[in-house]
Amino acid sequence: MSQTEVEKKTITLLLVDDDTDLRQDMVAYFQRSGYRVIDCGTATDALSLADRQHVDVIILDMILPDMSGLEVLEKLRSRGCDSEIVMLTGEGSIETAVEAMKKGAREYQTKPIRLKELERLVEKSYSAGQLVKENRQLREVLRHHQRPPQIIGESEAMRSVFRLIERTAASNKPILIQGESGTG
């Protein structure tokens, strides 16, 4: 089994399209290709599914019966969903493509689209998302390791102190530090 096949088996897709025939074709194709696939035909179901389980990539139709794909995208992002999103539309325009990208879509494609091409977009989106997550994790590790070792604290108040220390450390000006007696 190749590395790509192993990775596909760990990728969970959520397919959201009200066109039942197209959705069934996509489900069959991606399952045959080794992906874990969840599907639904409404925005409400998509939001519910995304809230309940981890999804790596969402293929989201722009026009759904209960709300637009852009509204779904906005709600997903406001709920903290960090899934990569590939938007599909039957009636694409530059304006909606730009708006979708600004709201957090990774890709924007017009229908009809070949399933092989859609799979390429899924893989590309998943890889980009993994890089973003890895970058975020590495920044967090660095942030923890760059702290002065003699200062202990994880609270938001202490993080604020660390940021203040970073800003003032480069200054040659005298700094007055005040505090209650016995606080260090």
N, C-alpha and C. Protein backbone atom coordinates (compact mmCIF):
# COMPACT_ATOMS: atom_id res chain seq x y z
N MET A 1 0.85 -1.18 0.00
CA MET A 1 0.00 0.00 0.00
C MET A 1 0.90 1.24 0.00
N SER A 2 0.67 2.18 -0.91
CA SER A 2 1.51 3.37 -1.02
C SER A 2 1.17 4.37 0.08
N GLN A 3 2.08 5.35 0.25
CA GLN A 3 1.87 6.40 1.26
C GLN A 3 0.59 7.17 0.97
N THR A 4 0.32 7.47 -0.30
CA THR A 4 -0.88 8.20 -0.67
C THR A 4 -2.13 7.43 -0.29
N GLU A 5 -2.13 6.12 -0.51
CA GLU A 5 -3.30 5.30 -0.16
C GLU A 5 -3.52 5.30 1.34
N VAL A 6 -2.44 5.25 2.11
CA VAL A 6 -2.56 5.28 3.57
C VAL A 6 -3.15 6.61 4.01
N GLU A 7 -2.64 7.71 3.44
CA GLU A 7 -3.14 9.03 3.80
C GLU A 7 -4.62 9.18 3.46
N LYS A 8 -5.05 8.69 2.31
CA LYS A 8 -6.45 8.80 1.90
C LYS A 8 -7.37 8.14 2.92
N LYS A 9 -6.94 7.02 3.46
CA LYS A 9 -7.79 6.30 4.41
C LYS A 9 -7.98 7.10 5.70
N THR A 10 -7.11 8.05 5.95
CA THR A 10 -7.26 8.85 7.16
C THR A 10 -8.01 10.15 6.89
N ILE A 11 -8.30 10.47 5.63
CA ILE A 11 -8.99 11.71 5.29
C ILE A 11 -10.50 11.47 5.33
N THR A 12 -11.18 12.32 6.09
CA THR A 12 -12.64 12.26 6.15
C THR A 12 -13.21 13.42 5.35
N LEU A 13 -14.08 13.09 4.40
CA LEU A 13 -14.73 14.09 3.56
C LEU A 13 -16.19 14.25 3.96
N LEU A 14 -16.68 15.48 3.90
CA LEU A 14 -18.11 15.75 4.02
C LEU A 14 -18.54 16.33 2.68
N LEU A 15 -19.43 15.62 1.98
CA LEU A 15 -19.94 16.07 0.69
C LEU A 15 -21.32 16.67 0.91
N VAL A 16 -21.47 17.94 0.53
CA VAL A 16 -22.73 18.65 0.74
C VAL A 16 -23.24 19.15 -0.60
N ASP A 17 -24.27 18.49 -1.12
CA ASP A 17 -24.85 18.88 -2.41
C ASP A 17 -26.28 18.37 -2.45
N ASP A 18 -27.20 19.22 -2.90
CA ASP A 18 -28.60 18.81 -2.95
C ASP A 18 -28.92 17.98 -4.19
N ASP A 19 -28.00 17.91 -5.13
CA ASP A 19 -28.18 17.07 -6.32
C ASP A 19 -27.83 15.63 -5.92
N THR A 20 -28.86 14.84 -5.66
CA THR A 20 -28.68 13.48 -5.14
C THR A 20 -27.82 12.62 -6.06
N ASP A 21 -28.06 12.68 -7.36
CA ASP A 21 -27.30 11.85 -8.30
C ASP A 21 -25.81 12.20 -8.27
N LEU A 22 -25.51 13.49 -8.33
CA LEU A 22 -24.11 13.92 -8.28
C LEU A 22 -23.47 13.52 -6.95
N ARG A 23 -24.20 13.74 -5.87
CA ARG A 23 -23.67 13.40 -4.55
C ARG A 23 -23.37 11.91 -4.44
N GLN A 24 -24.28 11.07 -4.95
CA GLN A 24 -24.06 9.62 -4.91
C GLN A 24 -22.85 9.22 -5.76
N ASP A 25 -22.69 9.88 -6.91
CA ASP A 25 -21.51 9.62 -7.76
C ASP A 25 -20.22 9.98 -7.01
N MET A 26 -20.24 11.15 -6.34
CA MET A 26 -19.05 11.57 -5.59
C MET A 26 -18.76 10.62 -4.44
N VAL A 27 -19.80 10.22 -3.71
CA VAL A 27 -19.62 9.28 -2.59
C VAL A 27 -18.98 7.99 -3.09
N ALA A 28 -19.54 7.43 -4.16
CA ALA A 28 -19.02 6.16 -4.70
C ALA A 28 -17.56 6.32 -5.14
N TYR A 29 -17.26 7.40 -5.85
CA TYR A 29 -15.90 7.63 -6.34
C TYR A 29 -14.91 7.75 -5.19
N PHE A 30 -15.22 8.60 -4.22
CA PHE A 30 -14.27 8.83 -3.12
C PHE A 30 -14.14 7.61 -2.22
N GLN A 31 -15.20 6.87 -2.02
CA GLN A 31 -15.09 5.64 -1.23
C GLN A 31 -14.21 4.61 -1.95
N ARG A 32 -14.40 4.48 -3.26
CA ARG A 32 -13.55 3.57 -4.04
C ARG A 32 -12.09 4.00 -3.97
N SER A 33 -11.87 5.30 -3.87
CA SER A 33 -10.50 5.83 -3.81
C SER A 33 -9.90 5.73 -2.41
N GLY A 34 -10.67 5.28 -1.44
CA GLY A 34 -10.13 5.04 -0.11
C GLY A 34 -10.39 6.10 0.93
N TYR A 35 -11.24 7.06 0.63
CA TYR A 35 -11.57 8.10 1.60
C TYR A 35 -12.72 7.65 2.50
N ARG A 36 -12.77 8.22 3.71
CA ARG A 36 -13.96 8.07 4.55
C ARG A 36 -14.90 9.19 4.14
N VAL A 37 -16.15 8.85 3.83
CA VAL A 37 -17.07 9.83 3.25
C VAL A 37 -18.36 9.91 4.06
N ILE A 38 -18.77 11.15 4.34
CA ILE A 38 -20.06 11.46 4.94
C ILE A 38 -20.75 12.37 3.93
N ASP A 39 -22.06 12.23 3.75
CA ASP A 39 -22.72 13.11 2.79
C ASP A 39 -24.06 13.57 3.31
N CYS A 40 -24.52 14.71 2.77
CA CYS A 40 -25.84 15.24 3.09
C CYS A 40 -26.25 16.21 1.99
N GLY A 41 -27.54 16.58 2.00
CA GLY A 41 -28.06 17.43 0.93
C GLY A 41 -28.53 18.80 1.37
N THR A 42 -28.37 19.13 2.66
CA THR A 42 -28.82 20.44 3.13
C THR A 42 -27.74 21.11 3.98
N ALA A 43 -27.86 22.42 4.08
CA ALA A 43 -26.93 23.19 4.90
C ALA A 43 -27.09 22.84 6.38
N THR A 44 -28.33 22.68 6.81
CA THR A 44 -28.61 22.35 8.21
C THR A 44 -27.93 21.05 8.60
N ASP A 45 -28.07 20.03 7.75
CA ASP A 45 -27.43 18.75 8.03
C ASP A 45 -25.90 18.89 8.03
N ALA A 46 -25.38 19.68 7.10
CA ALA A 46 -23.93 19.87 7.02
C ALA A 46 -23.39 20.51 8.30
N LEU A 47 -24.07 21.54 8.78
CA LEU A 47 -23.63 22.21 10.01
C LEU A 47 -23.69 21.27 11.20
N SER A 48 -24.74 20.49 11.26
CA SER A 48 -24.90 19.52 12.35
C SER A 48 -23.80 18.46 12.31
N LEU A 49 -23.53 17.92 11.13
CA LEU A 49 -22.48 16.91 10.99
C LEU A 49 -21.11 17.47 11.33
N ALA A 50 -20.83 18.67 10.86
CA ALA A 50 -19.52 19.29 11.12
C ALA A 50 -19.34 19.60 12.61
N ASP A 51 -20.45 19.88 13.30
CA ASP A 51 -20.38 20.11 14.75
C ASP A 51 -20.10 18.82 15.52
N ARG A 52 -20.64 17.71 15.03
CA ARG A 52 -20.59 16.44 15.78
C ARG A 52 -19.32 15.63 15.54
N GLN A 53 -18.69 15.80 14.39
CA GLN A 53 -17.52 14.97 14.12
C GLN A 53 -16.45 15.70 13.33
N HIS A 54 -15.23 15.21 13.47
CA HIS A 54 -14.11 15.83 12.77
C HIS A 54 -14.19 15.51 11.28
N VAL A 55 -14.03 16.54 10.47
CA VAL A 55 -14.02 16.39 9.01
C VAL A 55 -12.79 17.13 8.50
N ASP A 56 -12.01 16.47 7.65
CA ASP A 56 -10.81 17.10 7.11
C ASP A 56 -11.12 18.08 5.98
N VAL A 57 -11.95 17.63 5.04
CA VAL A 57 -12.26 18.45 3.86
C VAL A 57 -13.77 18.41 3.64
N ILE A 58 -14.35 19.57 3.35
CA ILE A 58 -15.77 19.67 3.03
C ILE A 58 -15.89 20.11 1.58
N ILE A 59 -16.62 19.33 0.80
CA ILE A 59 -16.95 19.74 -0.57
C ILE A 59 -18.36 20.31 -0.47
N LEU A 60 -18.49 21.60 -0.71
CA LEU A 60 -19.71 22.34 -0.40
C LEU A 60 -20.28 23.00 -1.65
N ASP A 61 -21.52 22.63 -1.97
CA ASP A 61 -22.21 23.25 -3.10
C ASP A 61 -22.60 24.68 -2.72
N MET A 62 -22.56 25.57 -3.68
CA MET A 62 -22.87 26.97 -3.44
C MET A 62 -24.37 27.20 -3.23
N ILE A 63 -25.19 26.40 -3.92
CA ILE A 63 -26.64 26.60 -3.84
C ILE A 63 -27.27 25.38 -3.18
N LEU A 64 -27.81 25.60 -1.98
CA LEU A 64 -28.47 24.54 -1.22
C LEU A 64 -29.90 24.99 -0.93
N PRO A 65 -30.80 24.06 -0.63
CA PRO A 65 -32.21 24.44 -0.46
C PRO A 65 -32.48 25.35 0.73
N ASP A 66 -31.71 25.23 1.80
CA ASP A 66 -32.04 25.99 3.01
C ASP A 66 -31.16 27.21 3.27
N MET A 67 -30.02 27.32 2.63
CA MET A 67 -29.19 28.53 2.69
C MET A 67 -28.06 28.40 1.68
N SER A 68 -27.41 29.51 1.41
CA SER A 68 -26.34 29.48 0.41
C SER A 68 -25.08 28.84 0.99
N GLY A 69 -24.24 28.35 0.10
CA GLY A 69 -22.97 27.79 0.51
C GLY A 69 -22.09 28.81 1.22
N LEU A 70 -22.18 30.08 0.81
CA LEU A 70 -21.41 31.13 1.48
C LEU A 70 -21.86 31.31 2.92
N GLU A 71 -23.18 31.23 3.15
CA GLU A 71 -23.69 31.32 4.52
C GLU A 71 -23.20 30.14 5.37
N VAL A 72 -23.21 28.96 4.76
CA VAL A 72 -22.73 27.77 5.47
C VAL A 72 -21.25 27.95 5.81
N LEU A 73 -20.48 28.40 4.85
CA LEU A 73 -19.05 28.64 5.05
C LEU A 73 -18.82 29.61 6.21
N GLU A 74 -19.58 30.69 6.21
CA GLU A 74 -19.46 31.69 7.27
C GLU A 74 -19.81 31.10 8.64
N LYS A 75 -20.87 30.32 8.70
CA LYS A 75 -21.28 29.70 9.97
C LYS A 75 -20.25 28.68 10.44
N LEU A 76 -19.71 27.91 9.51
CA LEU A 76 -18.68 26.93 9.88
C LEU A 76 -17.48 27.64 10.51
N ARG A 77 -17.02 28.70 9.88
CA ARG A 77 -15.86 29.43 10.40
C ARG A 77 -16.17 30.09 11.74
N SER A 78 -17.37 30.64 11.89
CA SER A 78 -17.72 31.30 13.15
C SER A 78 -17.82 30.29 14.30
N ARG A 79 -18.07 29.02 13.97
CA ARG A 79 -18.15 27.96 14.98
C ARG A 79 -16.79 27.33 15.26
N GLY A 80 -15.76 27.84 14.60
CA GLY A 80 -14.41 27.34 14.85
C GLY A 80 -14.03 26.13 14.01
N CYS A 81 -14.81 25.82 13.00
CA CYS A 81 -14.51 24.68 12.14
C CYS A 81 -13.28 25.01 11.29
N ASP A 82 -12.25 24.16 11.38
CA ASP A 82 -11.03 24.42 10.62
C ASP A 82 -10.86 23.44 9.45
N SER A 83 -11.95 22.79 9.06
CA SER A 83 -11.91 21.91 7.89
C SER A 83 -11.57 22.72 6.65
N GLU A 84 -10.87 22.10 5.72
CA GLU A 84 -10.60 22.74 4.44
C GLU A 84 -11.88 22.65 3.61
N ILE A 85 -12.19 23.71 2.87
CA ILE A 85 -13.46 23.76 2.14
C ILE A 85 -13.22 23.99 0.66
N VAL A 86 -13.80 23.09 -0.14
CA VAL A 86 -13.80 23.21 -1.59
C VAL A 86 -15.22 23.57 -2.00
N MET A 87 -15.40 24.76 -2.55
CA MET A 87 -16.73 25.22 -2.98
C MET A 87 -16.97 24.79 -4.42
N LEU A 88 -18.17 24.31 -4.69
CA LEU A 88 -18.59 23.97 -6.05
C LEU A 88 -19.81 24.79 -6.40
N THR A 89 -19.87 25.25 -7.64
CA THR A 89 -21.04 26.01 -8.06
C THR A 89 -21.34 25.75 -9.53
N GLY A 90 -22.61 25.80 -9.85
CA GLY A 90 -23.04 25.67 -11.23
C GLY A 90 -22.99 27.00 -11.96
N GLU A 91 -22.99 28.08 -11.20
CA GLU A 91 -23.03 29.43 -11.79
C GLU A 91 -21.96 30.29 -11.13
N GLY A 92 -20.73 30.12 -11.54
CA GLY A 92 -19.63 30.82 -10.90
C GLY A 92 -19.41 32.22 -11.44
N SER A 93 -18.97 33.10 -10.55
CA SER A 93 -18.56 34.44 -10.96
C SER A 93 -17.29 34.79 -10.18
N ILE A 94 -16.56 35.73 -10.69
CA ILE A 94 -15.33 36.14 -10.02
C ILE A 94 -15.65 36.71 -8.64
N GLU A 95 -16.74 37.47 -8.55
CA GLU A 95 -17.11 38.09 -7.27
C GLU A 95 -17.39 37.04 -6.20
N THR A 96 -18.16 36.00 -6.55
CA THR A 96 -18.47 34.98 -5.53
C THR A 96 -17.23 34.15 -5.21
N ALA A 97 -16.38 33.93 -6.19
CA ALA A 97 -15.14 33.20 -5.92
C ALA A 97 -14.27 33.97 -4.93
N VAL A 98 -14.13 35.26 -5.14
CA VAL A 98 -13.33 36.10 -4.24
C VAL A 98 -13.96 36.11 -2.85
N GLU A 99 -15.27 36.25 -2.79
CA GLU A 99 -15.97 36.26 -1.50
C GLU A 99 -15.78 34.94 -0.76
N ALA A 100 -15.89 33.83 -1.48
CA ALA A 100 -15.72 32.51 -0.86
C ALA A 100 -14.30 32.36 -0.31
N MET A 101 -13.31 32.81 -1.05
CA MET A 101 -11.93 32.70 -0.59
C MET A 101 -11.70 33.59 0.63
N LYS A 102 -12.27 34.79 0.62
CA LYS A 102 -12.13 35.68 1.77
C LYS A 102 -12.77 35.09 3.02
N LYS A 103 -13.85 34.34 2.84
CA LYS A 103 -14.55 33.74 3.98
C LYS A 103 -13.92 32.43 4.44
N GLY A 104 -12.90 31.98 3.72
CA GLY A 104 -12.16 30.82 4.21
C GLY A 104 -12.21 29.57 3.35
N ALA A 105 -12.74 29.65 2.14
CA ALA A 105 -12.71 28.48 1.25
C ALA A 105 -11.29 28.31 0.72
N ARG A 106 -10.85 27.09 0.60
CA ARG A 106 -9.51 26.81 0.07
C ARG A 106 -9.54 26.82 -1.45
N GLU A 107 -10.63 26.27 -2.03
CA GLU A 107 -10.76 26.17 -3.49
C GLU A 107 -12.18 26.56 -3.89
N TYR A 108 -12.33 26.97 -5.16
CA TYR A 108 -13.63 27.35 -5.70
C TYR A 108 -13.66 26.86 -7.14
N GLN A 109 -14.61 25.98 -7.46
CA GLN A 109 -14.67 25.40 -8.81
C GLN A 109 -16.08 25.42 -9.35
N THR A 110 -16.18 25.54 -10.66
CA THR A 110 -17.50 25.48 -11.29
C THR A 110 -17.80 24.05 -11.72
N LYS A 111 -19.09 23.73 -11.73
CA LYS A 111 -19.56 22.43 -12.21
C LYS A 111 -19.82 22.58 -13.70
N PRO A 112 -19.76 21.55 -14.46
CA PRO A 112 -19.36 20.20 -14.05
C PRO A 112 -17.85 20.13 -13.86
N ILE A 113 -17.43 19.23 -13.00
CA ILE A 113 -16.01 19.01 -12.74
C ILE A 113 -15.76 17.51 -12.77
N ARG A 114 -14.67 17.12 -13.38
CA ARG A 114 -14.31 15.69 -13.40
C ARG A 114 -13.96 15.26 -11.98
N LEU A 115 -14.36 14.08 -11.60
CA LEU A 115 -14.12 13.60 -10.24
C LEU A 115 -12.63 13.47 -9.94
N LYS A 116 -11.85 13.12 -10.93
CA LYS A 116 -10.39 13.03 -10.73
C LYS A 116 -9.83 14.41 -10.39
N GLU A 117 -10.31 15.43 -11.06
CA GLU A 117 -9.88 16.81 -10.78
C GLU A 117 -10.33 17.23 -9.38
N LEU A 118 -11.54 16.85 -9.00
CA LEU A 118 -12.05 17.16 -7.67
C LEU A 118 -11.19 16.47 -6.60
N GLU A 119 -10.79 15.24 -6.88
CA GLU A 119 -9.92 14.52 -5.95
C GLU A 119 -8.58 15.24 -5.80
N ARG A 120 -8.05 15.75 -6.90
CA ARG A 120 -6.79 16.50 -6.84
C ARG A 120 -6.95 17.74 -5.95
N LEU A 121 -8.10 18.42 -6.06
CA LEU A 121 -8.36 19.60 -5.23
C LEU A 121 -8.49 19.22 -3.76
N VAL A 122 -9.12 18.08 -3.50
CA VAL A 122 -9.25 17.59 -2.12
C VAL A 122 -7.87 17.32 -1.53
N GLU A 123 -7.02 16.62 -2.28
CA GLU A 123 -5.68 16.31 -1.80
C GLU A 123 -4.86 17.57 -1.57
N LYS A 124 -4.96 18.51 -2.50
CA LYS A 124 -4.23 19.77 -2.39
C LYS A 124 -4.72 20.56 -1.16
N SER A 125 -6.03 20.60 -0.97
CA SER A 125 -6.61 21.32 0.17
C SER A 125 -6.21 20.67 1.49
N TYR A 126 -6.27 19.35 1.52
CA TYR A 126 -5.90 18.63 2.74
C TYR A 126 -4.44 18.89 3.09
N SER A 127 -3.56 18.81 2.10
CA SER A 127 -2.13 19.04 2.34
C SER A 127 -1.87 20.46 2.84
N ALA A 128 -2.52 21.43 2.23
CA ALA A 128 -2.36 22.82 2.67
C ALA A 128 -2.85 23.00 4.10
N GLY A 129 -3.97 22.38 4.41
CA GLY A 129 -4.51 22.46 5.77
C GLY A 129 -3.59 21.83 6.79
N GLN A 130 -2.97 20.71 6.42
CA GLN A 130 -2.04 20.04 7.33
C GLN A 130 -0.83 20.94 7.60
N LEU A 131 -0.36 21.63 6.56
CA LEU A 131 0.78 22.55 6.74
C LEU A 131 0.42 23.70 7.68
N VAL A 132 -0.78 24.23 7.53
CA VAL A 132 -1.23 25.32 8.41
C VAL A 132 -1.30 24.84 9.86
N LYS A 133 -1.85 23.65 10.07
CA LYS A 133 -1.96 23.10 11.44
C LYS A 133 -0.58 22.83 12.03
N GLU A 134 0.31 22.28 11.22
CA GLU A 134 1.66 22.01 11.70
C GLU A 134 2.38 23.31 12.05
N ASN A 135 2.21 24.31 11.22
CA ASN A 135 2.81 25.62 11.47
C ASN A 135 2.30 26.19 12.79
N ARG A 136 0.99 26.10 13.00
CA ARG A 136 0.37 26.60 14.24
C ARG A 136 0.95 25.87 15.46
N GLN A 137 1.09 24.56 15.35
CA GLN A 137 1.63 23.76 16.46
C GLN A 137 3.08 24.13 16.74
N LEU A 138 3.87 24.30 15.69
CA LEU A 138 5.27 24.66 15.87
C LEU A 138 5.42 26.05 16.50
N ARG A 139 4.58 26.97 16.09
CA ARG A 139 4.61 28.31 16.69
C ARG A 139 4.29 28.24 18.18
N GLU A 140 3.34 27.39 18.53
CA GLU A 140 2.97 27.22 19.94
C GLU A 140 4.14 26.64 20.73
N VAL A 141 4.81 25.65 20.17
CA VAL A 141 5.98 25.06 20.84
C VAL A 141 7.06 26.11 21.02
N LEU A 142 7.33 26.88 19.97
CA LEU A 142 8.34 27.93 20.06
C LEU A 142 7.96 28.98 21.10
N ARG A 143 6.70 29.33 21.12
CA ARG A 143 6.25 30.34 22.07
C ARG A 143 6.52 29.88 23.50
N HIS A 144 6.29 28.61 23.77
CA HIS A 144 6.52 28.07 25.11
C HIS A 144 8.01 27.98 25.43
N HIS A 145 8.84 27.70 24.42
CA HIS A 145 10.27 27.52 24.67
C HIS A 145 11.04 28.83 24.70
N GLN A 146 10.47 29.89 24.20
CA GLN A 146 11.17 31.17 24.18
C GLN A 146 10.93 31.98 25.45
N ARG A 147 10.12 31.50 26.33
CA ARG A 147 9.82 32.20 27.57
C ARG A 147 11.04 32.15 28.49
N PRO A 148 11.29 33.22 29.22
CA PRO A 148 12.38 33.16 30.20
C PRO A 148 12.14 32.01 31.17
N PRO A 149 13.14 31.14 31.37
CA PRO A 149 12.93 29.92 32.15
C PRO A 149 12.58 30.15 33.61
N GLN A 150 12.96 31.30 34.18
CA GLN A 150 12.69 31.52 35.58
C GLN A 150 11.29 32.07 35.85
N ILE A 151 10.54 32.39 34.82
CA ILE A 151 9.18 32.89 34.99
C ILE A 151 8.21 31.76 34.66
N ILE A 152 7.28 31.51 35.56
CA ILE A 152 6.33 30.42 35.38
C ILE A 152 4.93 31.01 35.24
N GLY A 153 4.15 30.49 34.30
CA GLY A 153 2.76 30.92 34.17
C GLY A 153 2.20 30.61 32.82
N GLU A 154 0.94 30.24 32.77
CA GLU A 154 0.25 29.90 31.52
C GLU A 154 -1.02 30.73 31.33
N SER A 155 -1.42 31.51 32.33
CA SER A 155 -2.69 32.24 32.26
C SER A 155 -2.61 33.35 31.22
N GLU A 156 -3.76 33.88 30.86
CA GLU A 156 -3.81 34.98 29.90
C GLU A 156 -3.08 36.20 30.47
N ALA A 157 -3.20 36.42 31.78
CA ALA A 157 -2.51 37.55 32.41
C ALA A 157 -0.99 37.40 32.27
N MET A 158 -0.48 36.18 32.47
CA MET A 158 0.96 35.96 32.33
C MET A 158 1.40 36.06 30.87
N ARG A 159 0.57 35.60 29.95
CA ARG A 159 0.92 35.76 28.53
C ARG A 159 1.02 37.23 28.17
N SER A 160 0.14 38.03 28.77
CA SER A 160 0.19 39.47 28.56
C SER A 160 1.51 40.04 29.10
N VAL A 161 1.92 39.56 30.26
CA VAL A 161 3.20 39.99 30.84
C VAL A 161 4.36 39.60 29.92
N PHE A 162 4.33 38.37 29.39
CA PHE A 162 5.40 37.91 28.49
C PHE A 162 5.46 38.78 27.23
N ARG A 163 4.30 39.14 26.69
CA ARG A 163 4.28 40.01 25.50
C ARG A 163 4.87 41.38 25.84
N LEU A 164 4.53 41.90 27.02
CA LEU A 164 5.07 43.18 27.46
C LEU A 164 6.59 43.10 27.62
N ILE A 165 7.06 42.01 28.19
CA ILE A 165 8.51 41.80 28.34
C ILE A 165 9.19 41.79 26.98
N GLU A 166 8.61 41.07 26.01
CA GLU A 166 9.19 41.00 24.67
C GLU A 166 9.28 42.38 24.03
N ARG A 167 8.22 43.19 24.21
CA ARG A 167 8.21 44.53 23.61
C ARG A 167 9.23 45.46 24.26
N THR A 168 9.40 45.34 25.58
CA THR A 168 10.28 46.28 26.28
C THR A 168 11.72 45.80 26.40
N ALA A 169 11.99 44.55 26.14
CA ALA A 169 13.34 43.99 26.31
C ALA A 169 14.37 44.69 25.43
N ALA A 170 13.98 45.12 24.27
CA ALA A 170 14.93 45.75 23.35
C ALA A 170 15.22 47.21 23.72
N SER A 171 14.48 47.76 24.65
CA SER A 171 14.63 49.16 25.02
C SER A 171 15.80 49.35 25.97
N ASN A 172 16.47 50.50 25.86
CA ASN A 172 17.56 50.86 26.78
C ASN A 172 17.06 51.74 27.91
N LYS A 173 15.79 52.01 27.96
CA LYS A 173 15.22 52.91 28.96
C LYS A 173 14.98 52.16 30.26
N PRO A 174 15.07 52.88 31.39
CA PRO A 174 14.79 52.24 32.68
C PRO A 174 13.31 51.87 32.78
N ILE A 175 13.03 50.77 33.46
CA ILE A 175 11.66 50.29 33.62
C ILE A 175 11.41 50.08 35.11
N LEU A 176 10.30 50.60 35.61
CA LEU A 176 9.92 50.42 37.01
C LEU A 176 8.92 49.28 37.10
N ILE A 177 9.24 48.28 37.88
CA ILE A 177 8.34 47.14 38.09
C ILE A 177 7.81 47.25 39.50
N GLN A 178 6.48 47.27 39.65
CA GLN A 178 5.86 47.40 40.95
C GLN A 178 5.00 46.18 41.24
N GLY A 179 4.80 45.91 42.52
CA GLY A 179 3.93 44.81 42.92
C GLY A 179 3.80 44.75 44.41
N GLU A 180 2.85 43.98 44.86
CA GLU A 180 2.65 43.80 46.30
C GLU A 180 3.87 43.15 46.92
N SER A 181 4.12 43.45 48.16
CA SER A 181 5.23 42.85 48.89
C SER A 181 5.05 41.34 48.95
N GLY A 182 6.10 40.62 48.59
CA GLY A 182 6.06 39.16 48.65
C GLY A 182 5.61 38.49 47.37
N THR A 183 5.29 39.25 46.33
CA THR A 183 4.83 38.64 45.07
C THR A 183 5.98 38.29 44.15
N GLY A 184 7.18 38.62 44.50
CA GLY A 184 8.32 38.26 43.67
C GLY A 184 8.86 39.41 43.02
